[in-house]
Amino acid sequence: MENFRKVRTSEEETPLPFPDLPPDVVEMKVKEGSKIRNLMNFAMAQMELKGRRQIVFSGCGRAVTKTITCVEIMKRKLGGLHQVTKVRYKTVLEVWENQDPPPDGPAQNLTVHKNVPSICILLSRDPLDPNQTGYQPPEPRHEAGEDTSGSSAKGLKRPLPPPREEVLPKKLQVQVSDSPRGSGTTAGQLDH
């Protein structure tokens, strides 16, 4: 394969795995090179400004983690979203071209069929069937001023204790000279 170069990649078109979706549902196709900021700006505009009730994020191969990241950002920003996640495999076709073709023949192409993991995530403002495989209910929202301490508040950080000054024993204290010529005690010398 050292003489071959990938010239084209295409993935099979498959219908979304969610029944009863409105025909105008927005599908965010996340690619490996997609910028999360661009995806989120468009998706948030669809949900907030255009009043969409549902949105689907999909990605395959290396874009799966980016797809999940987009969904988690949207759930955190909007809140109250129901989620259904479907995981499956998709066939990706890669066309490779021979860079060192035989002198008496045409360039040879090689077509590779790969099965790669794929994810589709439906986010909905409206309640979804909780008995569906892959369903996640909306996370409860915390009100301002509400006490979130305790074992049920996952992901919340405890405040750090105030910093305190530690005194080193005299043998470990190091003085660094302020002058550029290095007069005085240097960082490598220790007081005895």
Protein backbone atom coordinates (compact mmCIF):
# COMPACT_ATOMS: atom_id res chain seq x y z
CA MET A 1 0.00 0.00 0.00
CA GLU A 2 3.03 2.33 0.11
CA ASN A 3 2.53 3.14 -3.60
CA PHE A 4 -1.16 4.00 -3.15
CA ARG A 5 -2.71 7.33 -2.19
CA LYS A 6 -6.27 7.85 -0.95
CA VAL A 7 -8.12 10.00 -3.49
CA ARG A 8 -11.75 9.80 -2.36
CA THR A 9 -13.84 8.78 0.64
CA SER A 10 -17.61 8.48 0.67
CA GLU A 11 -20.06 7.05 3.16
CA GLU A 12 -23.28 5.26 2.44
CA GLU A 13 -26.45 7.25 2.86
CA THR A 14 -28.72 5.61 5.41
CA PRO A 15 -32.03 6.87 6.79
CA LEU A 16 -32.09 8.23 10.32
CA PRO A 17 -32.88 5.49 12.87
CA PHE A 18 -35.69 7.44 14.54
CA PRO A 19 -39.33 6.81 13.57
CA ASP A 20 -41.86 9.64 13.35
CA LEU A 21 -39.40 12.48 12.79
CA PRO A 22 -40.84 15.59 11.15
CA PRO A 23 -39.73 15.86 7.50
CA ASP A 24 -37.94 19.16 8.12
CA VAL A 25 -35.88 17.98 11.10
CA VAL A 26 -32.35 19.43 11.11
CA GLU A 27 -29.59 16.83 10.88
CA MET A 28 -26.16 18.04 11.96
CA LYS A 29 -23.68 15.82 10.10
CA VAL A 30 -20.48 16.06 12.12
CA LYS A 31 -17.26 15.35 10.24
CA GLU A 32 -13.76 14.76 11.57
CA GLY A 33 -12.65 18.23 10.44
CA SER A 34 -15.79 20.09 11.56
CA LYS A 35 -15.32 23.03 13.90
CA ILE A 36 -17.40 22.65 17.06
CA ARG A 37 -17.98 26.42 17.25
CA ASN A 38 -19.52 26.48 13.75
CA LEU A 39 -21.70 23.43 14.44
CA MET A 40 -22.94 24.86 17.73
CA ASN A 41 -23.67 28.33 16.32
CA PHE A 42 -25.87 26.81 13.60
CA ALA A 43 -27.56 24.27 15.90
CA MET A 44 -28.30 26.83 18.63
CA ALA A 45 -29.75 29.24 16.06
CA GLN A 46 -32.05 26.48 14.79
CA MET A 47 -33.30 25.60 18.29
CA GLU A 48 -33.52 29.09 19.78
CA LEU A 49 -34.18 31.51 16.92
CA LYS A 50 -36.15 29.28 14.57
CA GLY A 51 -37.98 27.47 17.38
CA ARG A 52 -37.20 23.92 16.26
CA ARG A 53 -38.42 21.24 18.65
CA GLN A 54 -35.96 18.50 17.61
CA ILE A 55 -32.46 18.21 16.18
CA VAL A 56 -30.31 15.21 15.23
CA PHE A 57 -26.54 14.99 15.49
CA SER A 58 -24.78 12.23 13.53
CA GLY A 59 -21.17 11.26 12.99
CA CYS A 60 -19.11 8.22 12.12
CA GLY A 61 -15.55 7.01 12.61
CA ARG A 62 -13.31 9.61 14.19
CA ALA A 63 -16.17 12.13 14.33
CA VAL A 64 -18.11 10.13 16.96
CA THR A 65 -16.45 11.85 19.94
CA LYS A 66 -16.97 15.30 18.39
CA THR A 67 -20.64 14.43 17.85
CA ILE A 68 -21.05 13.52 21.53
CA THR A 69 -19.27 16.72 22.57
CA CYS A 70 -21.69 18.83 20.52
CA VAL A 71 -24.69 17.09 22.09
CA GLU A 72 -23.38 17.59 25.63
CA ILE A 73 -22.73 21.29 24.97
CA MET A 74 -26.25 21.75 23.59
CA LYS A 75 -27.84 19.92 26.53
CA ARG A 76 -25.91 22.09 28.98
CA LYS A 77 -26.79 25.36 27.19
CA LEU A 78 -30.48 24.68 26.55
CA GLY A 79 -31.40 22.29 29.36
CA GLY A 80 -34.54 20.17 29.53
CA LEU A 81 -33.75 18.17 26.38
CA HIS A 82 -34.79 14.54 26.01
CA GLN A 83 -32.22 12.35 24.25
CA VAL A 84 -32.23 9.09 22.30
CA THR A 85 -28.90 7.64 21.18
CA LYS A 86 -28.51 4.99 18.47
CA VAL A 87 -25.17 3.33 17.73
CA ARG A 88 -24.62 1.34 14.55
CA TYR A 89 -22.08 0.64 11.82
CA LYS A 90 -21.81 2.48 8.52
CA THR A 91 -20.00 1.42 5.37
CA VAL A 92 -17.37 3.87 4.15
CA LEU A 93 -15.88 3.51 0.67
CA GLU A 94 -12.28 4.58 0.15
CA VAL A 95 -10.75 4.84 -3.33
CA TRP A 96 -6.96 4.49 -3.48
CA GLU A 97 -4.94 5.32 -6.60
CA ASN A 98 -1.65 3.63 -7.53
CA GLN A 99 1.10 6.28 -7.61
CA ASP A 100 3.54 3.98 -9.45
CA PRO A 101 1.43 2.44 -12.26
CA PRO A 102 2.97 -0.09 -14.66
CA PRO A 103 4.52 1.69 -17.68
CA ASP A 104 2.40 -0.16 -20.23
CA GLY A 105 -0.97 0.06 -18.44
CA PRO A 106 -3.47 2.52 -16.99
CA ALA A 107 -3.38 3.72 -13.36
CA GLN A 108 -4.87 1.15 -11.02
CA ASN A 109 -7.46 2.05 -8.42
CA LEU A 110 -8.28 0.07 -5.33
CA THR A 111 -11.66 0.37 -3.58
CA VAL A 112 -11.83 -0.48 0.12
CA HIS A 113 -15.11 -1.01 2.01
CA LYS A 114 -14.79 -0.24 5.73
CA ASN A 115 -17.35 -0.74 8.46
CA VAL A 116 -16.94 2.10 10.95
CA PRO A 117 -18.88 2.89 14.12
CA SER A 118 -21.56 5.53 13.74
CA ILE A 119 -23.73 7.43 16.21
CA CYS A 120 -27.05 9.27 15.81
CA ILE A 121 -28.38 11.34 18.70
CA LEU A 122 -31.85 12.87 18.74
CA LEU A 123 -32.42 15.83 21.05
CA SER A 124 -35.99 16.92 21.66
CA ARG A 125 -37.76 19.60 23.65
CA ASP A 126 -40.85 17.39 23.59
CA PRO A 127 -41.00 14.22 25.72
CA LEU A 128 -39.90 11.03 23.96
CA ASP A 129 -40.81 7.41 24.66
CA PRO A 130 -38.81 6.48 27.79
CA ASN A 131 -39.02 2.78 26.86
CA GLN A 132 -36.90 3.28 23.74
CA THR A 133 -33.43 1.80 23.77
CA GLY A 134 -30.93 4.62 24.26
CA TYR A 135 -33.34 7.05 25.96
CA GLN A 136 -31.97 9.58 28.47
CA PRO A 137 -34.29 11.92 30.37
CA PRO A 138 -33.40 15.59 30.81
CA GLU A 139 -31.02 16.33 33.66
CA PRO A 140 -32.65 18.15 36.58
CA ARG A 141 -31.90 21.85 36.58
CA HIS A 142 -30.37 23.50 39.64
CA GLU A 143 -31.88 26.81 40.65
CA ALA A 144 -29.66 29.72 41.68
CA GLY A 145 -29.06 29.66 45.43
CA GLU A 146 -30.02 26.01 45.69
CA ASP A 147 -27.74 23.95 47.90
CA THR A 148 -25.92 21.56 45.58
CA SER A 149 -23.68 20.00 48.20
CA GLY A 150 -24.07 16.33 48.85
CA SER A 151 -23.60 13.09 47.01
CA SER A 152 -26.29 13.75 44.39
CA ALA A 153 -24.46 16.72 42.88
CA LYS A 154 -22.18 14.95 40.45
CA GLY A 155 -19.55 16.85 38.57
CA LEU A 156 -19.51 19.81 40.94
CA LYS A 157 -16.14 20.84 42.29
CA ARG A 158 -15.49 21.50 45.94
CA PRO A 159 -13.93 24.86 46.73
CA LEU A 160 -10.19 24.81 47.23
CA PRO A 161 -8.85 25.64 50.70
CA PRO A 162 -7.16 29.04 50.97
CA PRO A 163 -3.48 28.93 50.04
CA ARG A 164 -1.06 28.84 52.92
CA GLU A 165 2.57 29.75 53.01
CA GLU A 166 4.96 26.94 53.76
CA VAL A 167 8.24 27.68 55.47
CA LEU A 168 11.14 25.58 54.26
CA PRO A 169 13.93 24.54 56.63
CA LYS A 170 16.94 26.82 56.43
CA LYS A 171 18.99 24.20 54.54
CA LEU A 172 16.45 24.13 51.69
CA GLN A 173 15.95 27.88 51.33
CA VAL A 174 17.48 29.25 48.15
CA GLN A 175 18.17 32.86 47.35
CA VAL A 176 18.38 34.14 43.80
CA SER A 177 20.36 37.25 43.02
CA ASP A 178 18.52 40.18 41.43
CA SER A 179 21.63 41.50 39.66
CA PRO A 180 22.32 40.28 36.11
CA ARG A 181 26.02 39.62 36.90
CA GLY A 182 25.16 36.97 39.46
CA SER A 183 26.71 38.57 42.54
CA GLY A 184 25.52 37.14 45.79
CA THR A 185 24.14 33.68 46.36
CA THR A 186 23.02 31.82 43.24
CA ALA A 187 20.17 29.40 42.84
CA GLY A 188 22.54 26.47 42.91
CA GLN A 189 24.10 27.33 46.30
CA LEU A 190 22.59 26.37 49.61
CA ASP A 191 23.08 28.14 52.94
CA HIS A 192 24.87 26.00 55.50
